[in-house]
Every structure is written in C-alpha cells, then in structure tokens.
Amino acid sequence: VSVDGSPWFSMREGLDMLQQKGHEVVVVAPEVSLHVKPSENFVMKIYPVPYTQEEMDNAFKAYFNITFEEGSFFERFFKVVEATKRFTDFCFSSCTHLLQNKELMSYL
C-alpha cells in the first residue's frame, strides 16, 4: 500500500527491482488516484472510495492555485489549511474504505 504523489514515484523503482528479482508485488490503491496506475510489473488491487476522480482533481487544482492568489498572508494561510484538510479527508476516507473492504483484507 502506498500513498499517491512523491512517495509513489520513489517507491515505483523499488517495486520494479523486486519484480525483476522474482517477487510477486501487490499494489493496493483506491479507484481514484492522481498517479498510481496499473503496470505489468505488479498485481494491482483496487478498492472503491466515495469520491470521484473529478472531485480529487478539482481539490488538487484548487490547492495549487492558492499559491498564485492575491491576499494577505493570513488569508492564503487559512486557504492552504482548508485545502490541506480536504486532502486529509480524502486520505482518511480512503484508509477507512480499505480497512472495511473484507474481501480485499482477506486477500491480503
């Protein structure tokens, strides 16, 4: 199980090396993801989450756009805090749905 973003990019090379050495690599990811995609080098197990790719993409764009907005430091700071909370909510929901997925938990 990995997180999306930079940790995933860093882990990807290690997973490829494990597969080349004959290990079976299983990646567990939510159906909505920014960067985790299927590959021939690992088995991909996907589980459902209660948010859409569009919601995730919009939250990411909004977070990115905050850095270019006008306003005082405090206005921008609180917008960043709110955007970070949205991503934390996505992560919490994703983890909750993974742990509640009895079929996937049995497989693992």
PDB file of N, CA and C in Angstrom:
ATOM      1  N   VAL A   1       0.858  -1.172   0.000  1.00  0.00           N
ATOM      2  CA  VAL A   1       0.000   0.000   0.000  1.00  0.00           C
ATOM      3  C   VAL A   1       0.898   1.226   0.000  1.00  0.00           C
ATOM      4  N   SER A   2       0.638   2.111  -0.883  1.00  0.00           N
ATOM      5  CA  SER A   2       1.434   3.330  -0.973  1.00  0.00           C
ATOM      6  C   SER A   2       0.514   4.534  -1.012  1.00  0.00           C
ATOM      7  N   VAL A   3       1.105   5.677  -0.825  1.00  0.00           N
ATOM      8  CA  VAL A   3       0.351   6.912  -0.971  1.00  0.00           C
ATOM      9  C   VAL A   3       0.626   7.474  -2.348  1.00  0.00           C
ATOM     10  N   ASP A   4      -0.248   8.350  -2.780  1.00  0.00           N
ATOM     11  CA  ASP A   4      -0.108   8.985  -4.079  1.00  0.00           C
ATOM     12  C   ASP A   4       0.977  10.056  -4.026  1.00  0.00           C
ATOM     13  N   GLY A   5       1.477  10.467  -5.168  1.00  0.00           N
ATOM     14  CA  GLY A   5       2.423  11.576  -5.209  1.00  0.00           C
ATOM     15  C   GLY A   5       3.869  11.127  -5.136  1.00  0.00           C
ATOM     16  N   SER A   6       4.694  11.970  -4.545  1.00  0.00           N
ATOM     17  CA  SER A   6       6.143  11.729  -4.494  1.00  0.00           C
ATOM     18  C   SER A   6       6.522  10.380  -3.897  1.00  0.00           C
ATOM     19  N   PRO A   7       5.900   9.948  -2.780  1.00  0.00           N
ATOM     20  CA  PRO A   7       6.273   8.627  -2.249  1.00  0.00           C
ATOM     21  C   PRO A   7       6.037   7.505  -3.263  1.00  0.00           C
ATOM     22  N   TRP A   8       4.974   7.634  -4.060  1.00  0.00           N
ATOM     23  CA  TRP A   8       4.695   6.614  -5.067  1.00  0.00           C
ATOM     24  C   TRP A   8       5.791   6.600  -6.129  1.00  0.00           C
ATOM     25  N   PHE A   9       6.202   7.774  -6.599  1.00  0.00           N
ATOM     26  CA  PHE A   9       7.246   7.822  -7.621  1.00  0.00           C
ATOM     27  C   PHE A   9       8.550   7.222  -7.099  1.00  0.00           C
ATOM     28  N   SER A  10       8.865   7.489  -5.846  1.00  0.00           N
ATOM     29  CA  SER A  10      10.082   6.943  -5.241  1.00  0.00           C
ATOM     30  C   SER A  10       9.990   5.429  -5.079  1.00  0.00           C
ATOM     31  N   MET A  11       8.828   4.941  -4.718  1.00  0.00           N
ATOM     32  CA  MET A  11       8.639   3.517  -4.460  1.00  0.00           C
ATOM     33  C   MET A  11       8.597   2.709  -5.753  1.00  0.00           C
ATOM     34  N   ARG A  12       8.157   3.309  -6.823  1.00  0.00           N
ATOM     35  CA  ARG A  12       7.945   2.616  -8.087  1.00  0.00           C
ATOM     36  C   ARG A  12       9.205   1.886  -8.563  1.00  0.00           C
ATOM     37  N   GLU A  13      10.357   2.542  -8.487  1.00  0.00           N
ATOM     38  CA  GLU A  13      11.609   1.923  -8.927  1.00  0.00           C
ATOM     39  C   GLU A  13      11.941   0.690  -8.082  1.00  0.00           C
ATOM     40  N   GLY A  14      11.725   0.790  -6.780  1.00  0.00           N
ATOM     41  CA  GLY A  14      11.968  -0.348  -5.893  1.00  0.00           C
ATOM     42  C   GLY A  14      11.053  -1.517  -6.198  1.00  0.00           C
ATOM     43  N   LEU A  15       9.799  -1.228  -6.513  1.00  0.00           N
ATOM     44  CA  LEU A  15       8.854  -2.291  -6.865  1.00  0.00           C
ATOM     45  C   LEU A  15       9.286  -2.996  -8.140  1.00  0.00           C
ATOM     46  N   ASP A  16       9.753  -2.218  -9.116  1.00  0.00           N
ATOM     47  CA  ASP A  16      10.225  -2.814 -10.367  1.00  0.00           C
ATOM     48  C   ASP A  16      11.419  -3.738 -10.115  1.00  0.00           C
ATOM     49  N   MET A  17      12.335  -3.322  -9.239  1.00  0.00           N
ATOM     50  CA  MET A  17      13.501  -4.165  -8.922  1.00  0.00           C
ATOM     51  C   MET A  17      13.074  -5.450  -8.212  1.00  0.00           C
ATOM     52  N   LEU A  18      12.111  -5.357  -7.291  1.00  0.00           N
ATOM     53  CA  LEU A  18      11.617  -6.561  -6.609  1.00  0.00           C
ATOM     54  C   LEU A  18      11.011  -7.537  -7.606  1.00  0.00           C
ATOM     55  N   GLN A  19      10.236  -7.017  -8.550  1.00  0.00           N
ATOM     56  CA  GLN A  19       9.613  -7.867  -9.559  1.00  0.00           C
ATOM     57  C   GLN A  19      10.681  -8.528 -10.420  1.00  0.00           C
ATOM     58  N   GLN A  20      11.714  -7.796 -10.791  1.00  0.00           N
ATOM     59  CA  GLN A  20      12.792  -8.351 -11.620  1.00  0.00           C
ATOM     60  C   GLN A  20      13.541  -9.470 -10.899  1.00  0.00           C
ATOM     61  N   LYS A  21      13.541  -9.443  -9.575  1.00  0.00           N
ATOM     62  CA  LYS A  21      14.207 -10.492  -8.787  1.00  0.00           C
ATOM     63  C   LYS A  21      13.277 -11.665  -8.500  1.00  0.00           C
ATOM     64  N   GLY A  22      12.072 -11.648  -9.104  1.00  0.00           N
ATOM     65  CA  GLY A  22      11.172 -12.781  -8.989  1.00  0.00           C
ATOM     66  C   GLY A  22      10.104 -12.683  -7.919  1.00  0.00           C
ATOM     67  N   HIS A  23      10.010 -11.571  -7.243  1.00  0.00           N
ATOM     68  CA  HIS A  23       8.992 -11.399  -6.209  1.00  0.00           C
ATOM     69  C   HIS A  23       7.651 -11.016  -6.836  1.00  0.00           C
ATOM     70  N   GLU A  24       6.575 -11.491  -6.211  1.00  0.00           N
ATOM     71  CA  GLU A  24       5.248 -11.028  -6.621  1.00  0.00           C
ATOM     72  C   GLU A  24       4.966  -9.741  -5.849  1.00  0.00           C
ATOM     73  N   VAL A  25       4.701  -8.686  -6.573  1.00  0.00           N
ATOM     74  CA  VAL A  25       4.445  -7.383  -5.969  1.00  0.00           C
ATOM     75  C   VAL A  25       2.962  -7.073  -6.110  1.00  0.00           C
ATOM     76  N   VAL A  26       2.318  -6.761  -4.994  1.00  0.00           N
ATOM     77  CA  VAL A  26       0.904  -6.395  -4.988  1.00  0.00           C
ATOM     78  C   VAL A  26       0.789  -4.947  -4.533  1.00  0.00           C
ATOM     79  N   VAL A  27       0.149  -4.133  -5.360  1.00  0.00           N
ATOM     80  CA  VAL A  27      -0.088  -2.727  -5.033  1.00  0.00           C
ATOM     81  C   VAL A  27      -1.577  -2.558  -4.775  1.00  0.00           C
ATOM     82  N   VAL A  28      -1.908  -1.990  -3.640  1.00  0.00           N
ATOM     83  CA  VAL A  28      -3.297  -1.726  -3.271  1.00  0.00           C
ATOM     84  C   VAL A  28      -3.518  -0.228  -3.391  1.00  0.00           C
ATOM     85  N   ALA A  29      -4.554   0.160  -4.143  1.00  0.00           N
ATOM     86  CA  ALA A  29      -4.801   1.587  -4.358  1.00  0.00           C
ATOM     87  C   ALA A  29      -6.297   1.849  -4.457  1.00  0.00           C
ATOM     88  N   PRO A  30      -6.723   3.043  -4.068  1.00  0.00           N
ATOM     89  CA  PRO A  30      -8.124   3.412  -4.259  1.00  0.00           C
ATOM     90  C   PRO A  30      -8.409   3.585  -5.746  1.00  0.00           C
ATOM     91  N   GLU A  31      -9.669   3.447  -6.129  1.00  0.00           N
ATOM     92  CA  GLU A  31     -10.023   3.584  -7.539  1.00  0.00           C
ATOM     93  C   GLU A  31      -9.784   5.003  -8.047  1.00  0.00           C
ATOM     94  N   VAL A  32      -9.718   5.969  -7.155  1.00  0.00           N
ATOM     95  CA  VAL A  32      -9.420   7.355  -7.508  1.00  0.00           C
ATOM     96  C   VAL A  32      -8.007   7.655  -7.045  1.00  0.00           C
ATOM     97  N   SER A  33      -7.158   8.017  -7.993  1.00  0.00           N
ATOM     98  CA  SER A  33      -5.752   8.240  -7.673  1.00  0.00           C
ATOM     99  C   SER A  33      -5.174   9.275  -8.626  1.00  0.00           C
ATOM    100  N   LEU A  34      -4.225  10.048  -8.140  1.00  0.00           N
ATOM    101  CA  LEU A  34      -3.565  11.025  -9.003  1.00  0.00           C
ATOM    102  C   LEU A  34      -2.492  10.370  -9.868  1.00  0.00           C
ATOM    103  N   HIS A  35      -1.739   9.413  -9.322  1.00  0.00           N
ATOM    104  CA  HIS A  35      -0.586   8.877 -10.041  1.00  0.00           C
ATOM    105  C   HIS A  35      -0.470   7.357 -10.050  1.00  0.00           C
ATOM    106  N   VAL A  36      -1.091   6.655  -9.139  1.00  0.00           N
ATOM    107  CA  VAL A  36      -0.934   5.196  -9.068  1.00  0.00           C
ATOM    108  C   VAL A  36      -1.771   4.563 -10.177  1.00  0.00           C
ATOM    109  N   LYS A  37      -1.078   3.936 -11.123  1.00  0.00           N
ATOM    110  CA  LYS A  37      -1.737   3.318 -12.274  1.00  0.00           C
ATOM    111  C   LYS A  37      -1.238   1.881 -12.425  1.00  0.00           C
ATOM    112  N   PRO A  38      -2.035   1.016 -13.067  1.00  0.00           N
ATOM    113  CA  PRO A  38      -1.621  -0.380 -13.264  1.00  0.00           C
ATOM    114  C   PRO A  38      -0.321  -0.487 -14.068  1.00  0.00           C
ATOM    115  N   SER A  39       0.369  -1.597 -13.877  1.00  0.00           N
ATOM    116  CA  SER A  39       1.622  -1.869 -14.582  1.00  0.00           C
ATOM    117  C   SER A  39       1.755  -3.374 -14.774  1.00  0.00           C
ATOM    118  N   GLU A  40       2.550  -3.759 -15.752  1.00  0.00           N
ATOM    119  CA  GLU A  40       2.836  -5.181 -15.964  1.00  0.00           C
ATOM    120  C   GLU A  40       3.718  -5.735 -14.852  1.00  0.00           C
ATOM    121  N   ASN A  41       4.381  -4.868 -14.098  1.00  0.00           N
ATOM    122  CA  ASN A  41       5.344  -5.309 -13.091  1.00  0.00           C
ATOM    123  C   ASN A  41       4.738  -5.626 -11.732  1.00  0.00           C
ATOM    124  N   PHE A  42       3.446  -5.409 -11.560  1.00  0.00           N
ATOM    125  CA  PHE A  42       2.831  -5.734 -10.277  1.00  0.00           C
ATOM    126  C   PHE A  42       1.352  -6.041 -10.442  1.00  0.00           C
ATOM    127  N   VAL A  43       0.824  -6.762  -9.448  1.00  0.00           N
ATOM    128  CA  VAL A  43      -0.610  -7.038  -9.382  1.00  0.00           C
ATOM    129  C   VAL A  43      -1.258  -5.817  -8.738  1.00  0.00           C
ATOM    130  N   MET A  44      -2.286  -5.312  -9.357  1.00  0.00           N
ATOM    131  CA  MET A  44      -2.959  -4.111  -8.846  1.00  0.00           C
ATOM    132  C   MET A  44      -4.300  -4.512  -8.239  1.00  0.00           C
ATOM    133  N   LYS A  45      -4.492  -4.183  -6.985  1.00  0.00           N
ATOM    134  CA  LYS A  45      -5.761  -4.413  -6.296  1.00  0.00           C
ATOM    135  C   LYS A  45      -6.376  -3.048  -6.016  1.00  0.00           C
ATOM    136  N   ILE A  46      -7.542  -2.823  -6.592  1.00  0.00           N
ATOM    137  CA  ILE A  46      -8.205  -1.525  -6.483  1.00  0.00           C
ATOM    138  C   ILE A  46      -9.464  -1.682  -5.647  1.00  0.00           C
ATOM    139  N   TYR A  47      -9.722  -0.694  -4.802  1.00  0.00           N
ATOM    140  CA  TYR A  47     -10.924  -0.723  -3.975  1.00  0.00           C
ATOM    141  C   TYR A  47     -11.707   0.578  -4.154  1.00  0.00           C
ATOM    142  N   PRO A  48     -13.031   0.510  -3.994  1.00  0.00           N
ATOM    143  CA  PRO A  48     -13.872   1.694  -4.208  1.00  0.00           C
ATOM    144  C   PRO A  48     -13.760   2.706  -3.068  1.00  0.00           C
ATOM    145  N   VAL A  49     -13.949   3.962  -3.420  1.00  0.00           N
ATOM    146  CA  VAL A  49     -13.985   5.066  -2.457  1.00  0.00           C
ATOM    147  C   VAL A  49     -15.187   5.947  -2.794  1.00  0.00           C
ATOM    148  N   PRO A  50     -15.675   6.732  -1.825  1.00  0.00           N
ATOM    149  CA  PRO A  50     -16.907   7.506  -2.044  1.00  0.00           C
ATOM    150  C   PRO A  50     -16.705   8.878  -2.699  1.00  0.00           C
ATOM    151  N   TYR A  51     -15.590   9.077  -3.378  1.00  0.00           N
ATOM    152  CA  TYR A  51     -15.372  10.346  -4.071  1.00  0.00           C
ATOM    153  C   TYR A  51     -14.920  10.047  -5.494  1.00  0.00           C
ATOM    154  N   THR A  52     -15.069  11.034  -6.360  1.00  0.00           N
ATOM    155  CA  THR A  52     -14.780  10.831  -7.779  1.00  0.00           C
ATOM    156  C   THR A  52     -13.405  11.379  -8.154  1.00  0.00           C
ATOM    157  N   GLN A  53     -12.946  10.956  -9.322  1.00  0.00           N
ATOM    158  CA  GLN A  53     -11.684  11.484  -9.844  1.00  0.00           C
ATOM    159  C   GLN A  53     -11.805  12.991 -10.056  1.00  0.00           C
ATOM    160  N   GLU A  54     -12.960  13.434 -10.510  1.00  0.00           N
ATOM    161  CA  GLU A  54     -13.170  14.870 -10.729  1.00  0.00           C
ATOM    162  C   GLU A  54     -13.050  15.660  -9.423  1.00  0.00           C
ATOM    163  N   GLU A  55     -13.619  15.138  -8.346  1.00  0.00           N
ATOM    164  CA  GLU A  55     -13.504  15.813  -7.046  1.00  0.00           C
ATOM    165  C   GLU A  55     -12.048  15.899  -6.598  1.00  0.00           C
ATOM    166  N   MET A  56     -11.313  14.817  -6.773  1.00  0.00           N
ATOM    167  CA  MET A  56      -9.898  14.801  -6.396  1.00  0.00           C
ATOM    168  C   MET A  56      -9.099  15.782  -7.262  1.00  0.00           C
ATOM    169  N   ASP A  57      -9.336  15.753  -8.561  1.00  0.00           N
ATOM    170  CA  ASP A  57      -8.624  16.657  -9.467  1.00  0.00           C
ATOM    171  C   ASP A  57      -8.921  18.117  -9.145  1.00  0.00           C
ATOM    172  N   ASN A  58     -10.190  18.422  -8.880  1.00  0.00           N
ATOM    173  CA  ASN A  58     -10.572  19.800  -8.550  1.00  0.00           C
ATOM    174  C   ASN A  58      -9.922  20.265  -7.248  1.00  0.00           C
ATOM    175  N   ALA A  59      -9.858  19.399  -6.269  1.00  0.00           N
ATOM    176  CA  ALA A  59      -9.218  19.750  -4.995  1.00  0.00           C
ATOM    177  C   ALA A  59      -7.727  20.005  -5.203  1.00  0.00           C
ATOM    178  N   PHE A  60      -7.095  19.188  -6.027  1.00  0.00           N
ATOM    179  CA  PHE A  60      -5.671  19.364  -6.309  1.00  0.00           C
ATOM    180  C   PHE A  60      -5.424  20.690  -7.031  1.00  0.00           C
ATOM    181  N   LYS A  61      -6.250  20.995  -8.038  1.00  0.00           N
ATOM    182  CA  LYS A  61      -6.107  22.262  -8.773  1.00  0.00           C
ATOM    183  C   LYS A  61      -6.330  23.457  -7.852  1.00  0.00           C
ATOM    184  N   ALA A  62      -7.335  23.371  -7.002  1.00  0.00           N
ATOM    185  CA  ALA A  62      -7.617  24.465  -6.067  1.00  0.00           C
ATOM    186  C   ALA A  62      -6.435  24.678  -5.130  1.00  0.00           C
ATOM    187  N   TYR A  63      -5.857  23.597  -4.644  1.00  0.00           N
ATOM    188  CA  TYR A  63      -4.696  23.686  -3.753  1.00  0.00           C
ATOM    189  C   TYR A  63      -3.530  24.363  -4.472  1.00  0.00           C
ATOM    190  N   PHE A  64      -3.284  23.947  -5.697  1.00  0.00           N
ATOM    191  CA  PHE A  64      -2.193  24.512  -6.487  1.00  0.00           C
ATOM    192  C   PHE A  64      -2.433  25.998  -6.766  1.00  0.00           C
ATOM    193  N   ASN A  65      -3.665  26.363  -7.105  1.00  0.00           N
ATOM    194  CA  ASN A  65      -3.988  27.747  -7.462  1.00  0.00           C
ATOM    195  C   ASN A  65      -3.873  28.713  -6.290  1.00  0.00           C
ATOM    196  N   ILE A  66      -3.986  28.223  -5.079  1.00  0.00           N
ATOM    197  CA  ILE A  66      -3.881  29.089  -3.898  1.00  0.00           C
ATOM    198  C   ILE A  66      -2.538  29.816  -3.883  1.00  0.00           C
ATOM    199  N   THR A  67      -1.502  29.168  -4.365  1.00  0.00           N
ATOM    200  CA  THR A  67      -0.168  29.779  -4.327  1.00  0.00           C
ATOM    201  C   THR A  67      -0.070  31.021  -5.211  1.00  0.00           C
ATOM    202  N   PHE A  68      -0.975  31.164  -6.170  1.00  0.00           N
ATOM    203  CA  PHE A  68      -0.936  32.308  -7.081  1.00  0.00           C
ATOM    204  C   PHE A  68      -1.996  33.358  -6.772  1.00  0.00           C
ATOM    205  N   GLU A  69      -2.761  33.146  -5.728  1.00  0.00           N
ATOM    206  CA  GLU A  69      -3.831  34.086  -5.386  1.00  0.00           C
ATOM    207  C   GLU A  69      -3.289  35.319  -4.677  1.00  0.00           C
ATOM    208  N   GLU A  70      -4.029  36.395  -4.845  1.00  0.00           N
ATOM    209  CA  GLU A  70      -3.737  37.635  -4.131  1.00  0.00           C
ATOM    210  C   GLU A  70      -4.305  37.511  -2.721  1.00  0.00           C
ATOM    211  N   GLY A  71      -3.831  38.349  -1.841  1.00  0.00           N
ATOM    212  CA  GLY A  71      -4.379  38.369  -0.492  1.00  0.00           C
ATOM    213  C   GLY A  71      -3.282  38.406   0.544  1.00  0.00           C
ATOM    214  N   SER A  72      -3.702  38.644   1.745  1.00  0.00           N
ATOM    215  CA  SER A  72      -2.740  38.711   2.843  1.00  0.00           C
ATOM    216  C   SER A  72      -2.196  37.319   3.144  1.00  0.00           C
ATOM    217  N   PHE A  73      -1.127  37.304   3.893  1.00  0.00           N
ATOM    218  CA  PHE A  73      -0.535  36.038   4.313  1.00  0.00           C
ATOM    219  C   PHE A  73      -1.563  35.182   5.042  1.00  0.00           C
ATOM    220  N   PHE A  74      -2.321  35.801   5.945  1.00  0.00           N
ATOM    221  CA  PHE A  74      -3.283  35.041   6.746  1.00  0.00           C
ATOM    222  C   PHE A  74      -4.423  34.490   5.894  1.00  0.00           C
ATOM    223  N   GLU A  75      -4.889  35.262   4.913  1.00  0.00           N
ATOM    224  CA  GLU A  75      -5.945  34.758   4.024  1.00  0.00           C
ATOM    225  C   GLU A  75      -5.450  33.526   3.265  1.00  0.00           C
ATOM    226  N   ARG A  76      -4.260  33.632   2.703  1.00  0.00           N
ATOM    227  CA  ARG A  76      -3.705  32.500   1.953  1.00  0.00           C
ATOM    228  C   ARG A  76      -3.394  31.321   2.874  1.00  0.00           C
ATOM    229  N   PHE A  77      -2.900  31.619   4.064  1.00  0.00           N
ATOM    230  CA  PHE A  77      -2.593  30.562   5.029  1.00  0.00           C
ATOM    231  C   PHE A  77      -3.842  29.744   5.355  1.00  0.00           C
ATOM    232  N   PHE A  78      -4.946  30.429   5.638  1.00  0.00           N
ATOM    233  CA  PHE A  78      -6.167  29.704   6.000  1.00  0.00           C
ATOM    234  C   PHE A  78      -6.755  28.947   4.813  1.00  0.00           C
ATOM    235  N   LYS A  79      -6.551  29.453   3.606  1.00  0.00           N
ATOM    236  CA  LYS A  79      -6.981  28.710   2.419  1.00  0.00           C
ATOM    237  C   LYS A  79      -6.148  27.435   2.257  1.00  0.00           C
ATOM    238  N   VAL A  80      -4.857  27.540   2.525  1.00  0.00           N
ATOM    239  CA  VAL A  80      -3.993  26.355   2.450  1.00  0.00           C
ATOM    240  C   VAL A  80      -4.403  25.337   3.507  1.00  0.00           C
ATOM    241  N   VAL A  81      -4.711  25.812   4.700  1.00  0.00           N
ATOM    242  CA  VAL A  81      -5.154  24.908   5.768  1.00  0.00           C
ATOM    243  C   VAL A  81      -6.434  24.187   5.344  1.00  0.00           C
ATOM    244  N   GLU A  82      -7.382  24.918   4.774  1.00  0.00           N
ATOM    245  CA  GLU A  82      -8.649  24.314   4.338  1.00  0.00           C
ATOM    246  C   GLU A  82      -8.411  23.300   3.214  1.00  0.00           C
ATOM    247  N   ALA A  83      -7.566  23.649   2.260  1.00  0.00           N
ATOM    248  CA  ALA A  83      -7.265  22.728   1.160  1.00  0.00           C
ATOM    249  C   ALA A  83      -6.549  21.480   1.678  1.00  0.00           C
ATOM    250  N   THR A  84      -5.655  21.654   2.629  1.00  0.00           N
ATOM    251  CA  THR A  84      -4.957  20.515   3.231  1.00  0.00           C
ATOM    252  C   THR A  84      -5.944  19.613   3.961  1.00  0.00           C
ATOM    253  N   LYS A  85      -6.916  20.211   4.620  1.00  0.00           N
ATOM    254  CA  LYS A  85      -7.952  19.428   5.302  1.00  0.00           C
ATOM    255  C   LYS A  85      -8.725  18.574   4.294  1.00  0.00           C
ATOM    256  N   ARG A  86      -9.022  19.140   3.113  1.00  0.00           N
ATOM    257  CA  ARG A  86      -9.724  18.360   2.086  1.00  0.00           C
ATOM    258  C   ARG A  86      -8.906  17.127   1.696  1.00  0.00           C
ATOM    259  N   PHE A  87      -7.602  17.298   1.506  1.00  0.00           N
ATOM    260  CA  PHE A  87      -6.763  16.145   1.162  1.00  0.00           C
ATOM    261  C   PHE A  87      -6.687  15.150   2.309  1.00  0.00           C
ATOM    262  N   THR A  88      -6.640  15.646   3.519  1.00  0.00           N
ATOM    263  CA  THR A  88      -6.646  14.759   4.684  1.00  0.00           C
ATOM    264  C   THR A  88      -7.943  13.965   4.732  1.00  0.00           C
ATOM    265  N   ASP A  89      -9.056  14.608   4.404  1.00  0.00           N
ATOM    266  CA  ASP A  89     -10.346  13.911   4.363  1.00  0.00           C
ATOM    267  C   ASP A  89     -10.345  12.807   3.307  1.00  0.00           C
ATOM    268  N   PHE A  90      -9.758  13.093   2.127  1.00  0.00           N
ATOM    269  CA  PHE A  90      -9.647  12.065   1.091  1.00  0.00           C
ATOM    270  C   PHE A  90      -8.836  10.876   1.613  1.00  0.00           C
ATOM    271  N   CYS A  91      -7.708  11.160   2.240  1.00  0.00           N
ATOM    272  CA  CYS A  91      -6.837  10.094   2.760  1.00  0.00           C
ATOM    273  C   CYS A  91      -7.537   9.275   3.838  1.00  0.00           C
ATOM    274  N   PHE A  92      -8.201   9.951   4.756  1.00  0.00           N
ATOM    275  CA  PHE A  92      -8.903   9.253   5.832  1.00  0.00           C
ATOM    276  C   PHE A  92     -10.003   8.363   5.259  1.00  0.00           C
ATOM    277  N   SER A  93     -10.770   8.900   4.321  1.00  0.00           N
ATOM    278  CA  SER A  93     -11.838   8.130   3.695  1.00  0.00           C
ATOM    279  C   SER A  93     -11.268   6.924   2.948  1.00  0.00           C
ATOM    280  N   SER A  94     -10.180   7.136   2.241  1.00  0.00           N
ATOM    281  CA  SER A  94      -9.544   6.053   1.502  1.00  0.00           C
ATOM    282  C   SER A  94      -9.094   4.937   2.444  1.00  0.00           C
ATOM    283  N   CYS A  95      -8.434   5.296   3.530  1.00  0.00           N
ATOM    284  CA  CYS A  95      -7.969   4.293   4.506  1.00  0.00           C
ATOM    285  C   CYS A  95      -9.137   3.558   5.153  1.00  0.00           C
ATOM    286  N   THR A  96     -10.175   4.300   5.504  1.00  0.00           N
ATOM    287  CA  THR A  96     -11.353   3.692   6.126  1.00  0.00           C
ATOM    288  C   THR A  96     -11.984   2.667   5.193  1.00  0.00           C
ATOM    289  N   HIS A  97     -12.144   3.042   3.920  1.00  0.00           N
ATOM    290  CA  HIS A  97     -12.774   2.124   2.971  1.00  0.00           C
ATOM    291  C   HIS A  97     -11.885   0.920   2.665  1.00  0.00           C
ATOM    292  N   LEU A  98     -10.588   1.104   2.694  1.00  0.00           N
ATOM    293  CA  LEU A  98      -9.688  -0.037   2.523  1.00  0.00           C
ATOM    294  C   LEU A  98      -9.866  -1.024   3.673  1.00  0.00           C
ATOM    295  N   LEU A  99      -9.814  -0.533   4.889  1.00  0.00           N
ATOM    296  CA  LEU A  99      -9.904  -1.417   6.056  1.00  0.00           C
ATOM    297  C   LEU A  99     -11.272  -2.071   6.195  1.00  0.00           C
ATOM    298  N   GLN A 100     -12.319  -1.441   5.655  1.00  0.00           N
ATOM    299  CA  GLN A 100     -13.665  -2.012   5.719  1.00  0.00           C
ATOM    300  C   GLN A 100     -13.956  -2.962   4.561  1.00  0.00           C
ATOM    301  N   ASN A 101     -13.030  -3.089   3.629  1.00  0.00           N
ATOM    302  CA  ASN A 101     -13.213  -3.967   2.481  1.00  0.00           C
ATOM    303  C   ASN A 101     -12.791  -5.387   2.877  1.00  0.00           C
ATOM    304  N   LYS A 102     -13.759  -6.172   3.335  1.00  0.00           N
ATOM    305  CA  LYS A 102     -13.479  -7.510   3.867  1.00  0.00           C
ATOM    306  C   LYS A 102     -12.832  -8.434   2.833  1.00  0.00           C
ATOM    307  N   GLU A 103     -13.293  -8.366   1.603  1.00  0.00           N
ATOM    308  CA  GLU A 103     -12.739  -9.233   0.558  1.00  0.00           C
ATOM    309  C   GLU A 103     -11.253  -8.924   0.325  1.00  0.00           C
ATOM    310  N   LEU A 104     -10.928  -7.664   0.208  1.00  0.00           N
ATOM    311  CA  LEU A 104      -9.537  -7.278  -0.019  1.00  0.00           C
ATOM    312  C   LEU A 104      -8.670  -7.578   1.203  1.00  0.00           C
ATOM    313  N   MET A 105      -9.196  -7.337   2.377  1.00  0.00           N
ATOM    314  CA  MET A 105      -8.442  -7.637   3.603  1.00  0.00           C
ATOM    315  C   MET A 105      -8.155  -9.135   3.711  1.00  0.00           C
ATOM    316  N   SER A 106      -9.112  -9.965   3.301  1.00  0.00           N
ATOM    317  CA  SER A 106      -8.892 -11.418   3.316  1.00  0.00           C
ATOM    318  C   SER A 106      -7.811 -11.810   2.317  1.00  0.00           C
ATOM    319  N   TYR A 107      -7.819 -11.184   1.149  1.00  0.00           N
ATOM    320  CA  TYR A 107      -6.811 -11.470   0.130  1.00  0.00           C
ATOM    321  C   TYR A 107      -5.413 -11.134   0.642  1.00  0.00           C
ATOM    322  N   LEU A 108      -5.319  -9.987   1.283  1.00  0.00           N
ATOM    323  CA  LEU A 108      -4.003  -9.545   1.772  1.00  0.00           C
ATOM    324  C   LEU A 108      -3.546 -10.405   2.931  1.00  0.00           C
TER     325      LEU A 108
END
